[in-house]
N, C-alpha and C. Protein backbone atom coordinates (compact mmCIF):
# COMPACT_ATOMS: atom_id res chain seq x y z
N MET A 1 -10.92 16.87 -12.57
CA MET A 1 -10.90 17.60 -11.25
C MET A 1 -9.89 16.87 -10.32
N LYS A 2 -10.05 15.60 -10.25
CA LYS A 2 -9.28 14.77 -9.27
C LYS A 2 -7.72 15.05 -9.63
N ARG A 3 -7.43 15.04 -10.97
CA ARG A 3 -6.00 15.12 -11.41
C ARG A 3 -5.43 16.56 -11.07
N ILE A 4 -6.31 17.55 -11.16
CA ILE A 4 -5.87 18.94 -10.78
C ILE A 4 -5.53 19.05 -9.37
N PHE A 5 -6.61 18.41 -8.59
CA PHE A 5 -6.41 18.34 -7.02
C PHE A 5 -4.98 17.67 -6.67
N ASP A 6 -4.90 16.39 -7.29
CA ASP A 6 -3.70 15.70 -6.99
C ASP A 6 -2.33 16.45 -7.30
N VAL A 7 -2.28 17.12 -8.40
CA VAL A 7 -1.11 18.03 -8.78
C VAL A 7 -0.90 19.15 -7.78
N LEU A 8 -1.91 19.96 -7.45
CA LEU A 8 -1.83 21.08 -6.72
C LEU A 8 -1.44 20.65 -5.18
N PHE A 9 -2.03 19.53 -4.74
CA PHE A 9 -1.82 19.16 -3.38
C PHE A 9 -0.54 18.63 -3.22
N SER A 10 0.04 17.95 -4.33
CA SER A 10 1.37 17.35 -4.31
C SER A 10 2.40 18.44 -4.30
N LEU A 11 2.22 19.41 -5.13
CA LEU A 11 3.13 20.62 -5.10
C LEU A 11 3.26 21.29 -3.78
N ILE A 12 2.15 21.45 -3.22
CA ILE A 12 2.20 22.24 -1.89
C ILE A 12 2.94 21.28 -0.74
N VAL A 13 2.57 20.08 -0.89
CA VAL A 13 3.34 19.17 0.22
C VAL A 13 4.80 18.93 -0.18
N ILE A 14 5.13 18.89 -1.45
CA ILE A 14 6.61 18.81 -1.76
C ILE A 14 7.29 20.07 -1.38
N LEU A 15 6.72 21.31 -1.58
CA LEU A 15 7.36 22.49 -1.31
C LEU A 15 7.44 22.73 0.43
N CYS A 16 6.29 22.35 0.93
CA CYS A 16 6.45 22.44 2.44
C CYS A 16 7.33 21.53 3.16
N PHE A 17 7.34 20.27 2.53
CA PHE A 17 8.14 19.11 3.15
C PHE A 17 9.59 19.16 2.72
N PHE A 18 9.98 20.10 1.87
CA PHE A 18 11.35 19.96 1.34
C PHE A 18 12.39 20.15 2.46
N PRO A 19 12.38 21.14 3.37
CA PRO A 19 13.41 21.21 4.48
C PRO A 19 13.60 19.94 5.19
N LEU A 20 12.39 19.38 5.71
CA LEU A 20 12.33 18.14 6.34
C LEU A 20 12.91 16.98 5.51
N GLY A 21 12.48 16.99 4.25
CA GLY A 21 13.07 15.93 3.40
C GLY A 21 14.61 15.96 3.09
N LEU A 22 15.13 17.24 3.15
CA LEU A 22 16.56 17.36 3.11
C LEU A 22 17.23 16.91 4.30
N ILE A 23 16.69 17.16 5.47
CA ILE A 23 17.28 16.61 6.76
C ILE A 23 17.19 15.09 6.74
N ILE A 24 16.08 14.42 6.34
CA ILE A 24 15.92 13.00 6.35
C ILE A 24 16.96 12.35 5.35
N SER A 25 17.09 13.08 4.21
CA SER A 25 18.01 12.52 3.21
C SER A 25 19.49 12.52 3.81
N ILE A 26 19.84 13.50 4.56
CA ILE A 26 21.15 13.52 5.05
C ILE A 26 21.34 12.43 6.14
N LEU A 27 20.36 12.36 6.91
CA LEU A 27 20.30 11.31 8.00
C LEU A 27 20.40 9.86 7.54
N ILE A 28 19.76 9.69 6.31
CA ILE A 28 19.83 8.37 5.64
C ILE A 28 21.22 7.90 5.20
N LYS A 29 21.80 9.13 4.65
CA LYS A 29 23.17 8.94 4.08
C LYS A 29 24.20 8.65 5.27
N LEU A 30 23.87 9.30 6.26
CA LEU A 30 24.84 9.22 7.51
C LEU A 30 24.70 7.93 8.40
N SER A 31 23.44 7.34 8.23
CA SER A 31 23.09 6.21 9.10
C SER A 31 23.40 4.96 8.29
N SER A 32 23.53 4.73 7.07
CA SER A 32 23.80 3.49 6.32
C SER A 32 24.40 3.78 4.97
N SER A 33 25.08 2.77 4.42
CA SER A 33 25.57 2.89 2.97
C SER A 33 24.42 2.63 2.11
N GLY A 34 24.45 3.35 0.86
CA GLY A 34 23.50 3.02 -0.14
C GLY A 34 22.78 4.53 -0.42
N GLY A 35 21.85 4.43 -1.30
CA GLY A 35 21.12 5.65 -1.69
C GLY A 35 20.12 6.24 -0.86
N ILE A 36 19.68 7.52 -1.13
CA ILE A 36 18.57 8.06 -0.25
C ILE A 36 17.14 7.38 -0.53
N PHE A 37 16.99 7.03 -1.86
CA PHE A 37 15.50 6.73 -2.23
C PHE A 37 15.74 5.12 -2.49
N TYR A 38 14.51 4.59 -2.36
CA TYR A 38 14.28 3.16 -2.67
C TYR A 38 13.13 3.12 -3.64
N SER A 39 13.28 2.27 -4.60
CA SER A 39 12.22 2.14 -5.66
C SER A 39 11.95 0.73 -5.73
N GLN A 40 10.73 0.49 -6.23
CA GLN A 40 10.22 -0.91 -6.38
C GLN A 40 9.11 -1.04 -7.39
N ILE A 41 9.15 -1.98 -8.22
CA ILE A 41 8.11 -2.06 -9.16
C ILE A 41 6.76 -2.59 -8.64
N ARG A 42 5.71 -1.87 -8.80
CA ARG A 42 4.46 -2.19 -8.35
C ARG A 42 3.30 -2.14 -9.47
N ILE A 43 2.25 -2.74 -9.27
CA ILE A 43 1.23 -2.87 -10.33
C ILE A 43 0.26 -1.70 -9.99
N GLY A 44 -0.03 -0.92 -11.15
CA GLY A 44 -0.90 0.29 -11.15
C GLY A 44 -2.16 -0.01 -11.89
N LYS A 45 -2.62 1.20 -12.34
CA LYS A 45 -3.93 1.22 -13.05
C LYS A 45 -3.87 0.39 -14.33
N ASN A 46 -4.96 -0.55 -14.57
CA ASN A 46 -5.09 -1.37 -15.71
C ASN A 46 -3.74 -2.42 -15.74
N ALA A 47 -3.51 -2.81 -14.46
CA ALA A 47 -2.38 -3.83 -14.24
C ALA A 47 -1.07 -3.35 -14.84
N LYS A 48 -0.80 -2.11 -15.07
CA LYS A 48 0.43 -1.64 -15.69
C LYS A 48 1.51 -1.31 -14.55
N PRO A 49 2.64 -2.15 -14.81
CA PRO A 49 3.73 -1.88 -13.88
C PRO A 49 4.32 -0.48 -13.78
N PHE A 50 4.66 0.13 -12.64
CA PHE A 50 5.31 1.22 -12.52
C PHE A 50 6.29 1.24 -11.35
N LYS A 51 7.25 2.23 -11.26
CA LYS A 51 8.16 2.36 -10.31
C LYS A 51 7.75 3.28 -9.22
N ILE A 52 7.59 2.69 -7.88
CA ILE A 52 7.26 3.51 -6.83
C ILE A 52 8.30 4.06 -6.09
N TYR A 53 8.34 5.22 -5.52
CA TYR A 53 9.53 5.81 -4.74
C TYR A 53 9.16 5.99 -3.35
N LYS A 54 10.25 5.81 -2.39
CA LYS A 54 10.04 6.01 -1.06
C LYS A 54 11.48 6.39 -0.61
N PHE A 55 11.61 7.03 0.62
CA PHE A 55 12.92 7.22 1.29
C PHE A 55 13.31 5.90 1.69
N ARG A 56 14.55 5.42 1.49
CA ARG A 56 15.11 4.31 1.99
C ARG A 56 15.20 3.99 3.41
N SER A 57 14.38 2.98 4.03
CA SER A 57 14.36 2.82 5.40
C SER A 57 15.14 1.55 5.85
N MET A 58 15.47 0.65 4.75
CA MET A 58 16.18 -0.57 5.06
C MET A 58 17.46 -0.66 4.50
N LYS A 59 18.21 -1.65 4.91
CA LYS A 59 19.62 -1.95 4.41
C LYS A 59 19.40 -2.24 2.92
N ILE A 60 20.41 -2.09 2.16
CA ILE A 60 20.50 -2.31 0.71
C ILE A 60 20.18 -3.67 0.40
N ASP A 61 19.38 -3.98 -0.61
CA ASP A 61 18.99 -5.27 -1.07
C ASP A 61 18.27 -6.09 -0.06
N SER A 62 17.68 -5.49 0.91
CA SER A 62 16.91 -6.12 1.96
C SER A 62 15.54 -6.97 1.30
N ASP A 63 14.99 -6.21 0.30
CA ASP A 63 13.66 -6.77 -0.16
C ASP A 63 14.10 -8.14 -1.09
N HIS A 64 15.21 -8.44 -1.25
CA HIS A 64 15.53 -9.70 -2.05
C HIS A 64 15.25 -10.94 -1.28
N SER A 65 15.35 -10.91 0.07
CA SER A 65 15.06 -12.07 0.87
C SER A 65 13.47 -12.16 1.21
N GLN A 66 12.89 -10.94 1.47
CA GLN A 66 11.39 -11.03 1.90
C GLN A 66 10.85 -9.65 1.45
N LYS A 67 9.54 -9.75 0.83
CA LYS A 67 8.87 -8.67 0.39
C LYS A 67 8.21 -7.87 1.62
N LEU A 68 7.69 -8.64 2.61
CA LEU A 68 6.94 -8.04 3.76
C LEU A 68 7.85 -7.56 4.79
N THR A 69 7.55 -6.45 5.45
CA THR A 69 8.33 -6.07 6.70
C THR A 69 7.54 -6.56 7.93
N ILE A 70 8.40 -7.30 8.67
CA ILE A 70 7.74 -7.85 9.81
C ILE A 70 8.06 -7.06 11.10
N GLY A 71 7.18 -6.16 11.35
CA GLY A 71 7.21 -5.35 12.70
C GLY A 71 8.34 -4.33 12.71
N MET A 72 8.23 -3.40 13.64
CA MET A 72 9.31 -2.40 13.56
C MET A 72 10.62 -2.87 14.11
N LYS A 73 10.76 -4.19 14.57
CA LYS A 73 12.05 -4.80 14.96
C LYS A 73 12.64 -5.54 13.94
N ASP A 74 12.18 -5.47 12.62
CA ASP A 74 12.83 -6.03 11.44
C ASP A 74 14.15 -5.59 11.44
N PRO A 75 15.15 -6.59 11.60
CA PRO A 75 16.70 -6.25 11.54
C PRO A 75 17.14 -5.57 10.27
N ARG A 76 16.32 -5.53 9.17
CA ARG A 76 16.66 -5.05 8.03
C ARG A 76 16.52 -3.46 8.05
N ILE A 77 15.81 -2.83 9.03
CA ILE A 77 15.40 -1.52 9.10
C ILE A 77 16.55 -0.76 9.64
N THR A 78 17.01 0.25 9.09
CA THR A 78 18.16 1.15 9.46
C THR A 78 17.61 1.88 10.89
N SER A 79 18.64 2.73 11.47
CA SER A 79 18.21 3.45 12.65
C SER A 79 17.37 4.59 12.24
N ILE A 80 17.60 5.36 11.24
CA ILE A 80 16.71 6.36 10.86
C ILE A 80 15.41 5.87 10.24
N GLY A 81 15.54 4.62 9.67
CA GLY A 81 14.27 3.97 9.15
C GLY A 81 13.25 3.70 10.17
N PHE A 82 13.55 3.47 11.27
CA PHE A 82 12.56 3.12 12.37
C PHE A 82 11.63 4.47 12.66
N PHE A 83 12.32 5.48 12.45
CA PHE A 83 11.64 6.83 12.68
C PHE A 83 10.84 7.21 11.61
N ILE A 84 11.41 7.23 10.35
CA ILE A 84 10.51 7.60 9.31
C ILE A 84 9.45 6.55 9.00
N ARG A 85 9.67 5.46 9.23
CA ARG A 85 8.47 4.49 9.08
C ARG A 85 7.41 4.66 10.18
N LYS A 86 7.83 5.02 11.32
CA LYS A 86 6.67 5.19 12.31
C LYS A 86 5.76 6.20 11.99
N TYR A 87 6.25 7.46 11.44
CA TYR A 87 5.46 8.58 11.02
C TYR A 87 5.19 8.57 9.49
N LYS A 88 5.37 7.46 8.96
CA LYS A 88 5.09 7.36 7.39
C LYS A 88 5.76 8.41 6.63
N LEU A 89 6.98 8.87 7.04
CA LEU A 89 7.69 9.82 6.28
C LEU A 89 8.47 9.21 5.13
N ASP A 90 8.60 7.84 5.21
CA ASP A 90 9.34 7.22 4.10
C ASP A 90 8.33 7.23 2.86
N GLU A 91 7.07 7.46 2.90
CA GLU A 91 6.07 7.57 1.81
C GLU A 91 6.15 8.85 1.10
N PHE A 92 6.68 9.96 1.54
CA PHE A 92 6.56 11.25 0.89
C PHE A 92 7.05 11.33 -0.51
N PRO A 93 8.04 10.64 -0.78
CA PRO A 93 8.52 10.68 -2.26
C PRO A 93 7.54 10.24 -3.16
N GLN A 94 6.49 9.63 -2.70
CA GLN A 94 5.51 9.22 -3.69
C GLN A 94 4.51 10.23 -4.21
N PHE A 95 4.77 11.51 -3.68
CA PHE A 95 4.23 12.63 -4.23
C PHE A 95 4.77 12.98 -5.63
N ILE A 96 6.05 12.45 -5.78
CA ILE A 96 6.56 12.50 -7.03
C ILE A 96 5.79 11.71 -8.00
N ASN A 97 5.52 10.49 -7.62
CA ASN A 97 4.69 9.57 -8.39
C ASN A 97 3.32 10.23 -8.90
N VAL A 98 2.80 10.96 -7.99
CA VAL A 98 1.53 11.48 -8.22
C VAL A 98 1.70 12.58 -9.33
N LEU A 99 2.81 13.44 -9.35
CA LEU A 99 3.19 14.52 -10.25
C LEU A 99 3.41 13.83 -11.61
N ILE A 100 4.05 12.65 -11.51
CA ILE A 100 4.41 11.94 -12.69
C ILE A 100 3.06 11.39 -13.43
N GLY A 101 2.12 11.05 -12.58
CA GLY A 101 0.83 10.58 -13.12
C GLY A 101 0.58 9.13 -12.84
N ASN A 102 1.31 8.35 -12.35
CA ASN A 102 1.10 6.99 -12.12
C ASN A 102 0.65 6.60 -10.80
N MET A 103 0.26 7.68 -9.93
CA MET A 103 -0.38 7.43 -8.60
C MET A 103 -1.32 8.63 -8.36
N SER A 104 -2.22 8.57 -7.41
CA SER A 104 -3.13 9.59 -6.95
C SER A 104 -2.92 9.79 -5.45
N ILE A 105 -3.46 10.88 -4.99
CA ILE A 105 -3.35 11.10 -3.48
C ILE A 105 -4.10 10.00 -2.94
N VAL A 106 -5.35 9.74 -3.11
CA VAL A 106 -6.21 8.74 -2.70
C VAL A 106 -6.42 7.54 -3.66
N GLY A 107 -6.28 6.31 -3.24
CA GLY A 107 -6.57 5.23 -4.13
C GLY A 107 -6.02 3.96 -3.52
N PRO A 108 -6.32 2.76 -4.01
CA PRO A 108 -5.83 1.51 -3.47
C PRO A 108 -4.25 1.46 -3.42
N ARG A 109 -3.70 1.08 -2.37
CA ARG A 109 -2.29 1.05 -2.25
C ARG A 109 -1.76 0.03 -3.25
N PRO A 110 -0.79 0.29 -4.10
CA PRO A 110 -0.34 -0.60 -5.17
C PRO A 110 0.52 -1.82 -4.45
N GLU A 111 0.29 -2.94 -5.16
CA GLU A 111 0.82 -4.13 -4.59
C GLU A 111 2.05 -4.67 -5.62
N VAL A 112 2.76 -5.46 -5.15
CA VAL A 112 3.77 -6.06 -6.16
C VAL A 112 3.18 -7.23 -6.92
N LYS A 113 3.61 -7.56 -7.96
CA LYS A 113 3.10 -8.48 -8.92
C LYS A 113 2.71 -9.86 -8.36
N GLU A 114 3.51 -10.30 -7.49
CA GLU A 114 3.20 -11.68 -7.03
C GLU A 114 2.00 -11.85 -6.17
N TYR A 115 1.62 -10.65 -5.43
CA TYR A 115 0.25 -10.57 -4.75
C TYR A 115 -0.86 -10.19 -5.62
N VAL A 116 -0.65 -9.34 -6.54
CA VAL A 116 -1.66 -9.00 -7.60
C VAL A 116 -2.14 -10.33 -8.32
N ASP A 117 -1.13 -11.16 -8.68
CA ASP A 117 -1.39 -12.34 -9.41
C ASP A 117 -2.35 -13.27 -8.64
N ARG A 118 -2.59 -13.07 -7.26
CA ARG A 118 -3.47 -13.98 -6.45
C ARG A 118 -4.80 -13.30 -6.53
N TYR A 119 -5.08 -12.07 -6.97
CA TYR A 119 -6.44 -11.57 -7.07
C TYR A 119 -7.42 -12.34 -7.80
N SER A 120 -8.61 -12.37 -7.41
CA SER A 120 -9.63 -13.03 -7.97
C SER A 120 -10.28 -12.06 -9.14
N ASP A 121 -11.15 -12.51 -10.04
CA ASP A 121 -11.56 -11.47 -11.04
C ASP A 121 -12.17 -10.36 -10.46
N GLU A 122 -13.04 -10.65 -9.39
CA GLU A 122 -13.68 -9.60 -8.70
C GLU A 122 -12.80 -8.65 -8.00
N GLN A 123 -11.63 -9.13 -7.40
CA GLN A 123 -10.78 -8.24 -6.78
C GLN A 123 -10.01 -7.41 -7.82
N ARG A 124 -9.74 -7.90 -9.01
CA ARG A 124 -9.06 -7.14 -9.88
C ARG A 124 -9.76 -5.95 -10.49
N LYS A 125 -10.97 -5.75 -10.03
CA LYS A 125 -11.78 -4.52 -10.47
C LYS A 125 -11.03 -3.27 -9.84
N ILE A 126 -10.34 -3.46 -8.79
CA ILE A 126 -9.75 -2.20 -8.26
C ILE A 126 -8.58 -1.68 -9.10
N LEU A 127 -8.10 -2.59 -10.03
CA LEU A 127 -7.00 -2.19 -11.00
C LEU A 127 -7.65 -1.15 -12.04
N THR A 128 -8.89 -1.00 -12.01
CA THR A 128 -9.40 0.12 -12.77
C THR A 128 -9.22 1.53 -12.13
N LEU A 129 -8.67 1.62 -10.92
CA LEU A 129 -8.41 2.74 -10.20
C LEU A 129 -6.93 3.04 -10.25
N LYS A 130 -6.52 4.34 -10.37
CA LYS A 130 -5.13 4.71 -10.14
C LYS A 130 -4.77 4.48 -8.74
N PRO A 131 -3.56 3.75 -8.42
CA PRO A 131 -3.24 3.55 -7.00
C PRO A 131 -2.88 4.88 -6.29
N GLY A 132 -2.96 4.81 -5.03
CA GLY A 132 -2.89 6.00 -4.22
C GLY A 132 -1.91 5.89 -3.02
N ILE A 133 -1.54 7.03 -2.43
CA ILE A 133 -0.65 7.19 -1.31
C ILE A 133 -1.32 6.69 -0.07
N THR A 134 -2.71 7.07 0.00
CA THR A 134 -3.60 6.65 1.21
C THR A 134 -4.93 6.10 0.70
N ASP A 135 -5.51 5.28 1.51
CA ASP A 135 -6.89 4.85 1.34
C ASP A 135 -7.47 4.32 2.63
N TYR A 136 -8.63 3.75 2.53
CA TYR A 136 -9.26 3.25 3.77
C TYR A 136 -8.42 2.23 4.44
N ALA A 137 -7.84 1.26 3.54
CA ALA A 137 -6.94 0.09 4.03
C ALA A 137 -5.71 0.64 4.77
N SER A 138 -5.12 1.75 4.34
CA SER A 138 -4.01 2.29 4.92
C SER A 138 -4.27 2.83 6.33
N ILE A 139 -5.56 3.37 6.43
CA ILE A 139 -5.96 3.71 7.81
C ILE A 139 -6.25 2.74 8.75
N GLU A 140 -7.04 1.71 8.20
CA GLU A 140 -7.48 0.59 9.11
C GLU A 140 -6.38 -0.34 9.29
N TYR A 141 -5.41 -0.46 8.54
CA TYR A 141 -4.14 -1.27 8.82
C TYR A 141 -3.02 -0.43 8.96
N PHE A 142 -3.01 0.73 9.68
CA PHE A 142 -1.89 1.66 9.93
C PHE A 142 -0.86 0.87 10.55
N LYS A 143 -1.02 -0.12 11.44
CA LYS A 143 0.03 -0.82 12.09
C LYS A 143 0.10 -2.30 11.63
N GLU A 144 -0.05 -2.50 10.29
CA GLU A 144 0.04 -3.74 9.81
C GLU A 144 1.23 -4.55 10.13
N ASN A 145 2.45 -3.83 10.22
CA ASN A 145 3.65 -4.52 10.50
C ASN A 145 3.62 -5.22 11.87
N GLU A 146 2.92 -4.54 12.85
CA GLU A 146 2.79 -5.21 14.14
C GLU A 146 1.85 -6.40 14.11
N LEU A 147 0.81 -6.50 13.21
CA LEU A 147 0.03 -7.60 13.12
C LEU A 147 0.89 -8.76 12.47
N LEU A 148 1.58 -8.49 11.51
CA LEU A 148 2.37 -9.61 10.92
C LEU A 148 3.50 -10.01 11.89
N ALA A 149 4.12 -9.11 12.62
CA ALA A 149 5.17 -9.58 13.56
C ALA A 149 4.59 -10.51 14.67
N ALA A 150 3.25 -10.36 14.99
CA ALA A 150 2.59 -11.26 15.89
C ALA A 150 2.22 -12.72 15.34
N SER A 151 2.32 -12.78 14.10
CA SER A 151 1.85 -13.97 13.33
C SER A 151 2.95 -14.91 13.29
N SER A 152 2.63 -16.33 13.49
CA SER A 152 3.69 -17.32 13.35
C SER A 152 4.02 -17.49 11.86
N ASP A 153 3.17 -17.08 10.96
CA ASP A 153 3.42 -17.20 9.53
C ASP A 153 2.90 -15.97 8.85
N PRO A 154 3.86 -14.88 8.87
CA PRO A 154 3.38 -13.54 8.28
C PRO A 154 2.82 -13.66 6.79
N GLU A 155 3.48 -14.34 6.00
CA GLU A 155 3.15 -14.42 4.72
C GLU A 155 1.74 -14.94 4.42
N LYS A 156 1.40 -16.05 5.27
CA LYS A 156 0.13 -16.65 5.13
C LYS A 156 -0.86 -15.72 5.67
N THR A 157 -0.60 -15.07 6.91
CA THR A 157 -1.50 -14.09 7.39
C THR A 157 -1.88 -12.87 6.55
N TYR A 158 -0.76 -12.49 5.77
CA TYR A 158 -1.00 -11.45 4.78
C TYR A 158 -1.93 -11.78 3.74
N ILE A 159 -1.59 -12.88 3.07
CA ILE A 159 -2.27 -13.38 1.90
C ILE A 159 -3.75 -13.80 2.16
N GLU A 160 -3.79 -14.45 3.22
CA GLU A 160 -5.25 -15.19 3.65
C GLU A 160 -6.10 -14.12 4.41
N GLU A 161 -5.63 -13.23 5.21
CA GLU A 161 -6.38 -12.31 5.99
C GLU A 161 -6.43 -10.90 5.78
N ILE A 162 -5.14 -10.40 5.81
CA ILE A 162 -4.95 -8.96 5.57
C ILE A 162 -5.23 -8.39 4.16
N MET A 163 -4.64 -9.00 3.19
CA MET A 163 -4.94 -8.63 1.86
C MET A 163 -6.40 -8.67 1.31
N PRO A 164 -7.12 -9.76 1.63
CA PRO A 164 -8.56 -9.73 1.29
C PRO A 164 -9.35 -8.66 1.94
N ALA A 165 -8.96 -8.38 3.24
CA ALA A 165 -9.71 -7.42 3.97
C ALA A 165 -9.42 -6.05 3.44
N LYS A 166 -8.12 -5.83 2.94
CA LYS A 166 -7.86 -4.43 2.38
C LYS A 166 -8.47 -4.37 1.05
N LEU A 167 -8.66 -5.31 0.26
CA LEU A 167 -9.35 -5.25 -0.97
C LEU A 167 -10.70 -4.96 -0.86
N LYS A 168 -11.39 -5.54 0.22
CA LYS A 168 -12.82 -5.31 0.61
C LYS A 168 -13.06 -3.68 0.79
N LEU A 169 -11.98 -3.13 1.52
CA LEU A 169 -12.12 -1.78 1.86
C LEU A 169 -11.90 -0.91 0.54
N ASN A 170 -11.07 -1.39 -0.41
CA ASN A 170 -10.83 -0.85 -1.70
C ASN A 170 -12.10 -0.87 -2.52
N GLU A 171 -12.74 -1.87 -2.50
CA GLU A 171 -13.95 -2.03 -3.10
C GLU A 171 -15.14 -0.97 -2.65
N LYS A 172 -15.04 -0.65 -1.43
CA LYS A 172 -15.96 0.32 -0.87
C LYS A 172 -15.59 1.69 -1.45
N TYR A 173 -14.43 2.01 -1.71
CA TYR A 173 -14.02 3.28 -2.23
C TYR A 173 -14.36 3.25 -3.77
N LEU A 174 -14.17 2.16 -4.43
CA LEU A 174 -14.46 1.99 -5.79
C LEU A 174 -16.02 2.44 -6.09
N GLU A 175 -16.82 2.05 -5.06
CA GLU A 175 -18.24 2.45 -5.38
C GLU A 175 -18.58 3.74 -4.96
N ASN A 176 -17.74 4.51 -4.36
CA ASN A 176 -18.03 5.79 -3.80
C ASN A 176 -16.96 6.78 -4.10
N GLN A 177 -16.75 7.21 -5.17
CA GLN A 177 -15.57 8.11 -5.59
C GLN A 177 -15.96 9.53 -5.75
N SER A 178 -15.31 10.44 -5.04
CA SER A 178 -15.58 11.89 -5.26
C SER A 178 -14.50 12.68 -4.53
N LEU A 179 -14.41 13.99 -4.96
CA LEU A 179 -13.36 14.81 -4.41
C LEU A 179 -13.53 14.99 -2.88
N ALA A 180 -14.89 15.16 -2.44
CA ALA A 180 -15.16 15.40 -1.08
C ALA A 180 -14.85 13.98 -0.29
N HIS A 181 -14.99 12.87 -0.85
CA HIS A 181 -14.66 11.68 -0.26
C HIS A 181 -13.16 11.64 -0.06
N ASP A 182 -12.41 11.91 -1.27
CA ASP A 182 -11.06 12.01 -1.08
C ASP A 182 -10.37 12.87 0.02
N ILE A 183 -11.02 14.10 0.16
CA ILE A 183 -10.69 14.91 1.26
C ILE A 183 -10.80 14.34 2.69
N ARG A 184 -11.99 13.49 2.81
CA ARG A 184 -12.24 13.12 4.12
C ARG A 184 -11.21 11.96 4.55
N ILE A 185 -10.86 11.11 3.39
CA ILE A 185 -9.75 10.13 3.63
C ILE A 185 -8.55 10.60 3.96
N ILE A 186 -8.04 11.88 3.28
CA ILE A 186 -6.82 12.53 3.52
C ILE A 186 -6.91 13.05 5.06
N TRP A 187 -7.96 13.57 5.52
CA TRP A 187 -8.09 14.10 6.72
C TRP A 187 -7.93 12.92 7.88
N LYS A 188 -8.60 11.85 7.55
CA LYS A 188 -8.55 10.77 8.51
C LYS A 188 -7.17 10.27 8.46
N THR A 189 -6.44 10.23 7.44
CA THR A 189 -5.06 9.83 7.55
C THR A 189 -4.04 10.77 8.17
N ILE A 190 -4.42 11.93 8.02
CA ILE A 190 -3.48 12.99 8.90
C ILE A 190 -3.74 12.73 10.36
N LYS A 191 -4.94 12.62 10.69
CA LYS A 191 -5.28 12.31 12.16
C LYS A 191 -4.67 11.12 12.63
N LYS A 192 -4.76 10.09 11.86
CA LYS A 192 -4.13 8.71 12.31
C LYS A 192 -2.62 8.89 12.53
N VAL A 193 -2.01 9.58 11.63
CA VAL A 193 -0.34 9.77 11.64
C VAL A 193 -0.19 10.59 12.92
N LEU A 194 -0.93 11.57 13.24
CA LEU A 194 -0.54 12.51 14.36
C LEU A 194 -0.91 11.85 15.68
N LYS A 195 -1.80 10.87 15.72
CA LYS A 195 -2.11 10.08 16.84
C LYS A 195 -1.01 9.09 17.15
N ASN A 196 -0.32 8.60 16.20
CA ASN A 196 0.52 7.55 16.29
C ASN A 196 1.63 7.88 17.25
């Protein structure tokens, strides 16, 4: 049932979003050199690596120097990137990931390998779930970039404070999975984006 819901929901979103996605694509091309999309290897269900897709919001090769984005004033972010990040529009290509089958609408946000390697055995239980576009952690840490920007050591703050807290929230979802639960999380995410 969850897979059927994921596919139908993604198709509806992609069809409805297409005109705006086309405008975003044109603005990305006009605002900076490079491609429209950004892809990165993340760790998915059963620790299997996969390629996640986003609209490119940063200058080319920006992730080579640092994985974390430090606030909305990060100099690596392009002019259109500020806008699409603020409203989470850069995440919409992940509905393609959902159609492919390596992501779900609701599930733990997938991490890069270097952070997953730090998981304890208990924390690795969330890797039994298919990663998602949104989850409790995405809602709770909607402005994560601002928290990192306020830290004197963003990497340490993420690894020692934010990541463990997000994993705790993921464990909460692991213990209570249902389609009704997923719909509640989607609705909370929509309200959070609109309030931003």
